[in-house]
Protein backbone atom coordinates (compact mmCIF):
# COMPACT_ATOMS: atom_id res chain seq x y z
CA MET A 1 -37.09 18.28 6.46
CA VAL A 2 -35.31 19.47 9.62
CA GLY A 3 -31.64 20.01 9.91
CA SER A 4 -28.45 21.01 8.56
CA GLY A 5 -25.79 18.28 8.77
CA GLY A 6 -24.60 15.49 6.46
CA ARG A 7 -27.27 13.08 7.33
CA GLU A 8 -29.72 15.61 6.42
CA HIS A 9 -28.32 15.93 2.94
CA ALA A 10 -28.22 12.13 2.71
CA LEU A 11 -32.09 11.99 3.91
CA ALA A 12 -32.77 14.81 1.25
CA ILE A 13 -30.71 13.14 -1.63
CA GLY A 14 -33.11 9.90 -0.81
CA LEU A 15 -36.30 12.03 -0.63
CA SER A 16 -35.30 13.81 -3.57
CA GLU A 17 -35.12 10.29 -5.51
CA SER A 18 -38.69 8.98 -3.91
CA THR A 19 -40.88 8.62 -6.50
CA SER A 20 -43.74 9.69 -3.76
CA VAL A 21 -42.12 12.92 -2.97
CA SER A 22 -43.00 16.04 -5.46
CA VAL A 23 -40.50 18.24 -3.25
CA VAL A 24 -38.28 18.72 -0.27
CA HIS A 25 -37.89 21.59 1.91
CA CYS A 26 -35.31 21.67 4.08
CA CYS A 27 -34.92 24.25 7.79
CA PRO A 28 -32.12 25.28 7.40
CA GLY A 29 -30.45 22.88 4.96
CA ASN A 30 -27.20 23.40 3.78
CA ALA A 31 -25.26 23.88 0.66
CA GLY A 32 -25.76 19.91 -0.32
CA THR A 33 -29.53 20.19 0.40
CA SER A 34 -29.98 23.25 -1.82
CA MET A 35 -29.01 21.43 -4.76
CA VAL A 36 -31.84 18.97 -4.10
CA GLY A 37 -34.09 20.79 -2.15
CA ILE A 38 -35.67 24.09 -0.82
CA ASN A 39 -33.59 25.80 1.49
CA HIS A 40 -35.72 27.93 4.37
CA ASP A 41 -34.23 30.76 6.63
CA VAL A 42 -35.28 28.92 9.25
CA SER A 43 -33.34 27.32 12.59
CA ALA A 44 -33.78 23.81 13.02
CA SER A 45 -34.40 25.19 16.79
CA ASP A 46 -37.30 27.37 16.10
CA ILE A 47 -40.16 25.17 16.95
CA ASP A 48 -42.95 27.56 16.24
CA ALA A 49 -41.32 28.97 12.86
CA ILE A 50 -40.82 25.20 11.42
CA VAL A 51 -44.76 24.19 12.14
CA SER A 52 -45.74 27.51 10.64
CA LEU A 53 -43.53 27.01 7.45
CA SER A 54 -45.30 23.40 7.24
CA LEU A 55 -48.75 24.34 7.83
CA GLU A 56 -47.87 27.38 4.74
CA LEU A 57 -46.32 25.02 2.59
CA GLY A 58 -49.02 22.39 3.02
CA VAL A 59 -46.45 19.46 3.80
CA GLY A 60 -47.12 15.83 4.02
CA LEU A 61 -44.80 14.73 6.05
CA VAL A 62 -41.75 16.19 8.24
CA VAL A 63 -38.50 14.76 8.87
CA VAL A 64 -36.78 15.64 11.84
CA GLY A 65 -32.81 14.80 11.56
CA PRO A 66 -31.19 16.38 14.44
CA GLU A 67 -31.99 15.21 18.55
CA ALA A 68 -32.79 18.99 19.91
CA PRO A 69 -36.21 19.69 18.12
CA LEU A 70 -37.27 16.55 19.28
CA VAL A 71 -36.50 16.92 22.94
CA SER A 72 -38.41 20.52 22.19
CA GLY A 73 -41.50 18.80 21.37
CA LEU A 74 -41.14 19.42 17.68
CA ALA A 75 -43.36 16.01 16.54
CA ASP A 76 -45.96 16.87 19.44
CA GLN A 77 -46.69 20.26 17.88
CA LEU A 78 -46.56 18.78 14.51
CA ARG A 79 -49.33 16.09 15.16
CA ALA A 80 -51.39 18.47 17.25
CA GLN A 81 -51.90 20.20 13.74
CA SER A 82 -52.24 16.49 11.99
CA ILE A 83 -49.06 16.87 10.27
CA PRO A 84 -46.97 13.31 9.81
CA CYS A 85 -43.76 13.63 11.53
CA PHE A 86 -41.10 11.16 11.31
CA GLY A 87 -39.59 11.52 15.03
CA PRO A 88 -40.82 10.66 18.37
CA HIS A 89 -42.68 12.92 20.58
CA SER A 90 -41.01 14.53 23.24
CA GLU A 91 -41.45 12.12 26.20
CA GLY A 92 -39.92 9.08 23.57
CA ALA A 93 -36.96 11.23 22.77
CA MET A 94 -35.87 11.53 26.22
CA LEU A 95 -33.89 7.83 25.24
CA GLU A 96 -31.73 10.51 24.41
CA GLY A 97 -32.67 13.69 26.17
CA SER A 98 -31.47 11.79 29.31
CA LYS A 99 -29.43 9.22 29.52
CA LEU A 100 -30.54 8.33 33.16
CA ASN A 101 -33.87 7.61 31.39
CA ALA A 102 -32.83 5.28 28.98
CA LYS A 103 -31.05 3.25 31.76
CA LYS A 104 -33.86 2.75 34.12
CA VAL A 105 -36.05 1.69 31.00
CA MET A 106 -33.31 -0.93 29.74
CA GLN A 107 -33.25 -1.87 33.47
CA SER A 108 -36.89 -1.97 34.06
CA ILE A 109 -37.34 -4.18 30.91
CA GLY A 110 -34.45 -6.13 31.20
CA VAL A 111 -32.40 -4.96 28.34
CA PRO A 112 -28.72 -5.87 28.60
CA THR A 113 -26.49 -2.78 29.32
CA GLY A 114 -23.53 -1.65 31.40
CA GLY A 115 -24.39 -1.02 35.13
CA PHE A 116 -24.49 2.75 36.30
CA GLU A 117 -24.42 4.75 39.41
CA ILE A 118 -25.72 8.33 40.19
CA VAL A 119 -22.95 10.87 41.71
CA LYS A 120 -24.54 13.65 42.59
CA GLU A 121 -21.78 14.62 46.15
CA GLN A 122 -18.46 15.82 45.69
CA SER A 123 -17.77 13.25 48.54
CA MET A 124 -19.22 10.47 46.51
CA ILE A 125 -16.62 10.64 43.51
CA GLU A 126 -13.68 8.51 44.78
CA PRO A 127 -16.00 6.05 46.31
CA THR A 128 -17.77 5.74 43.09
CA LEU A 129 -14.76 5.16 40.94
CA ASP A 130 -13.73 2.79 43.47
CA SER A 131 -16.73 0.55 42.63
CA PHE A 132 -16.03 0.36 39.11
CA GLU A 133 -12.87 -1.02 37.15
CA PRO A 134 -10.77 1.62 34.74
CA PRO A 135 -11.07 2.33 31.96
CA TRP A 136 -14.08 4.56 33.53
CA VAL A 137 -16.82 6.16 31.53
CA VAL A 138 -18.20 9.36 32.43
CA LYS A 139 -21.39 10.87 31.09
CA ARG A 140 -23.29 13.74 31.56
CA ASP A 141 -27.18 13.30 31.53
CA VAL A 142 -27.82 16.22 28.32
CA LEU A 143 -27.69 16.48 24.90
CA ALA A 144 -24.37 16.98 24.05
CA GLY A 145 -23.93 16.43 20.15
CA GLY A 146 -22.38 12.60 20.42
CA LYS A 147 -19.48 14.42 22.67
CA GLY A 148 -20.79 14.31 26.31
CA VAL A 149 -19.21 11.09 27.32
CA THR A 150 -15.57 10.79 28.96
CA VAL A 151 -13.85 7.10 28.75
CA THR A 152 -10.80 7.25 30.36
CA SER A 153 -7.82 4.87 32.46
CA SER A 154 -6.48 8.09 34.20
CA ARG A 155 -8.34 8.15 37.33
CA SER A 156 -7.57 12.06 37.84
CA GLU A 157 -9.45 12.63 34.42
CA ALA A 158 -12.30 10.45 35.30
CA SER A 159 -12.41 12.54 39.07
CA LYS A 160 -12.43 16.21 37.15
CA SER A 161 -15.13 14.94 34.37
CA VAL A 162 -17.80 13.73 37.19
CA ARG A 163 -16.92 16.95 39.05
CA GLU A 164 -17.31 19.18 36.06
CA ALA A 165 -20.58 17.28 35.39
CA ILE A 166 -21.95 17.64 38.84
CA ASP A 167 -21.10 21.49 38.84
CA GLU A 168 -23.21 21.63 35.35
CA ASP A 169 -25.92 19.79 35.62
CA GLY A 170 -26.31 18.59 39.61
CA PHE A 171 -25.11 15.13 38.46
CA ALA A 172 -23.08 12.69 36.47
CA LEU A 173 -23.28 9.37 35.31
CA VAL A 174 -20.69 6.68 36.29
CA GLU A 175 -21.06 3.17 34.11
CA GLN A 176 -19.61 -0.05 33.74
CA PHE A 177 -16.84 0.05 30.76
CA LEU A 178 -18.04 -2.70 28.10
CA SER A 179 -15.41 -3.98 26.10
CA GLY A 180 -15.50 -5.56 22.83
CA GLU A 181 -16.45 -4.05 19.10
CA GLU A 182 -19.38 -1.51 18.70
CA ALA A 183 -21.76 -1.44 16.02
CA SER A 184 -25.17 0.41 15.20
CA VAL A 185 -28.62 -0.58 14.49
CA LEU A 186 -31.03 1.80 12.81
CA VAL A 187 -34.39 0.64 13.74
CA ILE A 188 -37.79 2.17 11.85
CA MET A 189 -40.55 1.70 14.24
CA ASP A 190 -44.08 2.79 15.00
CA GLU A 191 -46.87 1.17 17.39
CA SER A 192 -47.56 -1.54 14.40
CA GLY A 193 -43.93 -3.10 13.86
CA TYR A 194 -40.84 -2.02 12.81
CA ILE A 195 -37.82 -2.53 10.50
CA MET A 196 -33.87 -3.03 11.33
CA LEU A 197 -31.56 -1.09 8.42
CA PRO A 198 -28.08 -2.61 7.95
CA PRO A 199 -26.01 -2.59 10.97
CA SER A 200 -23.54 0.05 10.90
CA GLN A 201 -19.91 1.05 12.63
CA ASP A 202 -19.10 4.60 13.27
CA HIS A 203 -15.42 5.75 13.86
CA LYS A 204 -16.03 8.03 17.04
CA ARG A 205 -12.23 9.08 18.17
CA ALA A 206 -10.57 11.70 15.72
CA SER A 207 -7.29 10.27 15.12
CA ASP A 208 -6.33 6.84 13.10
CA GLY A 209 -6.42 3.63 15.71
CA ASP A 210 -9.02 4.94 17.54
CA GLU A 211 -6.56 7.88 19.19
CA GLY A 212 -7.67 11.33 20.20
CA PRO A 213 -10.65 13.04 21.24
CA ASN A 214 -14.33 11.55 20.62
CA THR A 215 -16.01 13.78 17.78
CA GLY A 216 -19.63 13.77 16.78
CA GLY A 217 -18.12 10.52 13.99
CA MET A 218 -15.08 10.46 11.42
CA GLY A 219 -16.80 8.40 9.25
CA ALA A 220 -18.59 4.78 9.32
CA TYR A 221 -19.24 1.87 6.94
CA ALA A 222 -21.99 -0.84 6.68
CA PRO A 223 -23.14 -3.46 6.79
CA ALA A 224 -20.60 -4.17 9.69
CA PRO A 225 -19.16 -7.70 9.52
CA ILE A 226 -18.83 -7.60 13.55
CA ALA A 227 -22.92 -7.76 13.44
CA THR A 228 -23.20 -11.11 12.41
CA PRO A 229 -26.45 -13.19 11.48
CA THR A 230 -26.37 -14.78 14.59
CA VAL A 231 -25.63 -11.29 16.73
CA LEU A 232 -28.52 -9.47 14.91
CA THR A 233 -31.02 -12.34 16.10
CA ARG A 234 -29.86 -11.93 19.43
CA VAL A 235 -30.29 -7.83 19.08
CA ARG A 236 -33.67 -8.38 17.82
CA GLU A 237 -34.49 -10.91 20.62
CA GLU A 238 -32.85 -9.23 23.65
CA ILE A 239 -33.04 -5.35 22.76
CA VAL A 240 -35.56 -4.17 19.86
CA GLU A 241 -38.27 -6.86 20.75
CA PRO A 242 -38.44 -5.68 24.39
CA MET A 243 -38.07 -2.26 23.62
CA HIS A 244 -40.55 -2.01 20.73
CA HIS A 245 -43.08 -3.60 23.30
CA PHE A 246 -42.77 -1.21 25.62
CA LEU A 247 -42.34 2.08 23.44
CA ARG A 248 -46.08 0.37 21.71
CA ASN A 249 -47.73 0.40 24.80
CA GLU A 250 -46.65 4.02 26.20
CA THR A 251 -49.59 6.77 25.75
CA ILE A 252 -48.46 8.47 22.97
CA PRO A 253 -46.29 5.52 20.67
CA TYR A 254 -43.28 6.06 19.54
CA ARG A 255 -42.54 6.83 15.10
CA GLY A 256 -39.39 7.31 14.12
CA CYS A 257 -36.09 5.95 14.57
CA LEU A 258 -34.47 3.97 17.48
CA TYR A 259 -30.91 4.04 16.99
CA VAL A 260 -29.48 1.31 18.83
CA GLY A 261 -25.78 1.64 20.20
CA LEU A 262 -24.26 -1.59 20.76
CA MET A 263 -21.12 -3.10 22.19
CA ILE A 264 -20.63 -6.96 21.03
CA ASP A 265 -18.40 -8.70 23.27
CA SER A 266 -16.22 -11.69 22.11
CA ASN A 267 -18.81 -13.92 22.67
CA GLY A 268 -21.08 -12.37 20.31
CA SER A 269 -23.39 -11.20 23.33
CA PRO A 270 -24.83 -7.61 22.27
CA SER A 271 -25.37 -4.80 25.18
CA VAL A 272 -26.91 -1.31 24.85
CA VAL A 273 -24.09 1.43 24.67
CA GLU A 274 -26.73 3.91 24.49
CA PHE A 275 -30.18 5.16 22.72
CA ASN A 276 -30.41 7.98 19.98
CA VAL A 277 -33.97 9.08 18.68
CA ARG A 278 -32.46 9.45 15.29
CA LEU A 279 -30.77 8.72 12.53
CA GLY A 280 -26.87 8.98 13.22
CA ASP A 281 -24.44 10.83 11.67
CA PRO A 282 -22.58 9.73 9.79
CA GLU A 283 -24.33 6.30 9.99
CA ALA A 284 -27.47 7.39 7.77
CA GLN A 285 -24.85 8.36 5.01
CA VAL A 286 -24.00 4.73 4.68
CA THR A 287 -27.19 2.84 5.47
CA ILE A 288 -29.54 5.49 3.22
CA PRO A 289 -27.91 4.31 0.25
CA LEU A 290 -28.46 0.42 0.87
CA ILE A 291 -32.49 1.08 1.17
CA GLU A 292 -33.92 0.29 -2.66
CA SER A 293 -37.04 1.06 -1.48
CA ASP A 294 -39.16 4.33 -1.72
CA LEU A 295 -37.72 6.25 1.36
CA GLY A 296 -39.97 8.74 1.53
CA LEU A 297 -42.70 5.60 1.92
CA LEU A 298 -41.01 4.10 4.53
CA LEU A 299 -40.77 7.35 6.51
CA LEU A 300 -44.34 8.44 6.22
CA ALA A 301 -45.12 4.75 6.95
CA SER A 302 -43.67 5.46 10.45
CA ALA A 303 -45.03 8.38 10.96
CA SER A 304 -48.84 7.35 9.96
CA GLY A 305 -48.35 3.93 12.34
CA GLU A 306 -48.49 1.98 9.33
CA ILE A 307 -45.08 0.53 9.32
CA SER A 308 -46.25 -2.94 9.30
CA GLU A 309 -47.41 -2.67 5.82
CA MET A 310 -44.31 -1.61 4.33
CA GLU A 311 -42.01 -4.48 2.79
CA VAL A 312 -38.38 -2.63 2.60
CA GLU A 313 -35.84 -3.77 0.20
CA PHE A 314 -31.76 -3.47 0.62
CA ARG A 315 -29.27 -3.41 -2.32
CA PRO A 316 -26.66 -5.78 -1.55
CA MET A 317 -23.70 -3.55 -1.61
CA ASN A 318 -20.72 -2.06 0.77
CA SER A 319 -20.96 1.48 1.57
CA THR A 320 -18.42 3.73 3.29
CA THR A 321 -18.48 7.20 4.36
CA VAL A 322 -15.24 9.51 5.43
CA VAL A 323 -15.19 12.85 7.16
CA LEU A 324 -13.59 15.65 6.38
CA ALA A 325 -13.21 17.98 9.08
CA SER A 326 -12.34 21.81 9.78
CA GLU A 327 -8.90 22.76 11.31
CA GLY A 328 -9.55 22.56 15.09
CA TYR A 329 -11.99 19.76 15.37
CA PRO A 330 -13.50 18.88 17.59
CA GLY A 331 -12.04 22.12 19.83
CA GLU A 332 -12.41 25.07 18.13
CA VAL A 333 -12.70 25.36 15.04
CA PHE A 334 -11.98 27.41 11.79
CA THR A 335 -14.53 28.10 9.37
CA GLY A 336 -15.11 30.41 6.25
CA ARG A 337 -12.55 28.60 4.17
CA LYS A 338 -12.85 28.00 -0.01
CA ILE A 339 -13.39 24.10 -0.32
CA SER A 340 -12.14 23.25 -3.93
CA GLY A 341 -12.69 19.52 -5.65
CA TRP A 342 -15.75 18.76 -3.58
CA ASP A 343 -17.81 18.14 -6.38
CA VAL A 344 -16.50 14.97 -8.28
CA GLN A 345 -18.71 11.97 -8.66
CA ILE A 346 -17.67 8.42 -9.48
CA GLU A 347 -19.43 6.10 -11.72
CA GLU A 348 -17.79 3.08 -12.68
CA GLY A 349 -19.69 -0.10 -13.08
CA GLN A 350 -21.11 -0.68 -9.80
CA VAL A 351 -18.84 1.36 -8.12
CA SER A 352 -20.42 4.60 -7.27
CA GLY A 353 -18.67 7.57 -5.03
CA PHE A 354 -20.26 11.34 -4.31
CA VAL A 355 -20.28 14.08 -1.63
CA HIS A 356 -23.06 14.47 1.31
CA LEU A 357 -22.22 18.32 2.38
CA ALA A 358 -22.71 19.14 5.87
CA GLY A 359 -20.84 22.30 7.49
CA ALA A 360 -20.64 23.87 4.27
CA ASN A 361 -22.81 26.82 2.50
CA PHE A 362 -21.86 28.62 -0.52
CA ASP A 363 -21.19 32.33 -0.55
CA SER A 364 -22.82 35.08 -3.22
CA ASP A 365 -20.18 34.21 -5.22
CA GLY A 366 -21.23 30.51 -5.41
CA LEU A 367 -18.21 29.61 -4.04
CA LEU A 368 -18.27 26.56 -1.17
CA LEU A 369 -17.01 27.79 2.21
CA SER A 370 -16.78 25.43 5.18
CA SER A 371 -19.06 26.72 8.19
CA GLY A 372 -18.73 23.86 10.43
CA GLY A 373 -16.77 21.17 12.57
CA ARG A 374 -17.17 18.03 10.41
CA VAL A 375 -17.56 19.65 6.76
CA LEU A 376 -18.04 16.89 4.20
CA SER A 377 -18.10 13.42 4.00
CA ALA A 378 -16.92 11.36 0.55
CA THR A 379 -19.14 8.30 0.56
CA GLY A 380 -18.28 4.83 -1.71
CA LEU A 381 -21.02 2.43 -2.50
CA ALA A 382 -19.81 -0.90 -4.22
CA PRO A 383 -20.18 -4.55 -3.99
CA THR A 384 -17.14 -4.94 -1.51
CA LEU A 385 -16.06 -2.69 1.30
CA GLU A 386 -12.53 -2.45 -0.40
CA GLU A 387 -13.67 -0.89 -3.41
CA ALA A 388 -16.08 1.26 -1.51
CA LEU A 389 -13.33 2.44 0.99
CA GLU A 390 -11.20 2.70 -2.47
CA ALA A 391 -13.95 5.13 -3.67
CA ALA A 392 -14.16 7.34 -1.06
CA TYR A 393 -10.57 7.84 -0.47
CA GLN A 394 -10.23 8.58 -4.44
CA ILE A 395 -12.51 11.50 -3.66
CA ILE A 396 -11.45 13.03 -0.18
CA ASP A 397 -7.80 12.79 -1.40
CA GLY A 398 -8.97 15.01 -4.32
CA ILE A 399 -10.41 17.50 -1.99
CA ALA A 400 -8.64 20.63 -0.69
CA LEU A 401 -9.54 22.58 2.85
CA GLU A 402 -6.89 24.17 4.17
CA GLY A 403 -6.06 22.81 8.08
CA SER A 404 -8.51 20.31 7.06
CA HIS A 405 -8.00 16.48 8.74
CA TYR A 406 -9.30 13.01 8.06
CA ARG A 407 -8.78 9.45 9.26
CA SER A 408 -7.31 7.30 6.61
CA ASP A 409 -8.56 4.17 8.37
CA ILE A 410 -12.02 3.66 7.97
CA GLY A 411 -13.42 0.59 8.13
CA PHE A 412 -10.30 -1.02 9.65
CA ARG A 413 -11.62 -3.29 12.08
CA ALA A 414 -13.80 -4.95 9.16
CA LEU A 415 -10.58 -5.37 6.80
CA SER A 416 -8.61 -7.24 9.71
CA ARG A 417 -11.46 -9.90 10.33
């Protein structure tokens, strides 16, 4: 397994609990993955070293968590060595690696999404902004860890964001703002078929009430009630089916997860905000616990082009996760601080609560220290969303990390419905 975040800890837990999996090796992993698998001092960006280690260990499957190694061709090199890889080849990964590429694909096959303009010249900034109603959406066409997007009603801020993108990348995308409520659907697919996982909703803004700067995600819950059965039928027919038809007919078929970031308007019409080419973080932390079936077999089936032969069962439960972030996040963060109270678990009937570790590692004395922006997330699993949230907050309220912060309103849209 490649990666070191909370998503990778969730994957490692799910894989370690799979009867089909004998051992989980992690590159580089974190404190959480070290408790359920074996960590290796190999960077997620070191493609050659990952391939060499996979051959040395004789692994039967490589699961790639983050997007950057996929864009860099990790899956291509693994498959060249006949090693199954859960994650698309480099060309397929450009659905996330290039927002412009994703927009052009959607445009060509009629997938609903917002309009957009490419801005290459400074002189075109103001006329382009004039052609869109505020708030303005400005995107860099690069991998930016979920933070390369500016959404603002400030004309000066929008103009500044476009100028900076042109200076950095040569051009910027200005997109139509889509109003409504966001949701995400993770689709496990290959050329033979696909499986839609339960819909989730992420909380991107740093502070309560969706205030503050964009982050990599401050919490999530699943299933998201905004994605009703009717909405999911439309998502399947209008987005997933056309994308699957397109991807299965490429020279090299897409194998892995297609993350469909949705905006659902007041009429229940879904449009695509973005595609990602991997499990989301923190969406993985709330969707993986809902998978009843053997996770190892599911991911291997996709990596081998045999997903159509899988029948997947899901737990009829609600799952939620609340992210604890370091002081300063999503800006410059303080790390190396002691974390206490993180190893508490809840098991009360059908209610459970536990921690997914992310930016955290053990020191030589066995103390858990913060090492990144998003340090951990407290996850609750229960028959109702309210019970799942109560379990998650009970755990996170007992964790001590100097200067840390978290949102206290995860799931507020669902609770108000």
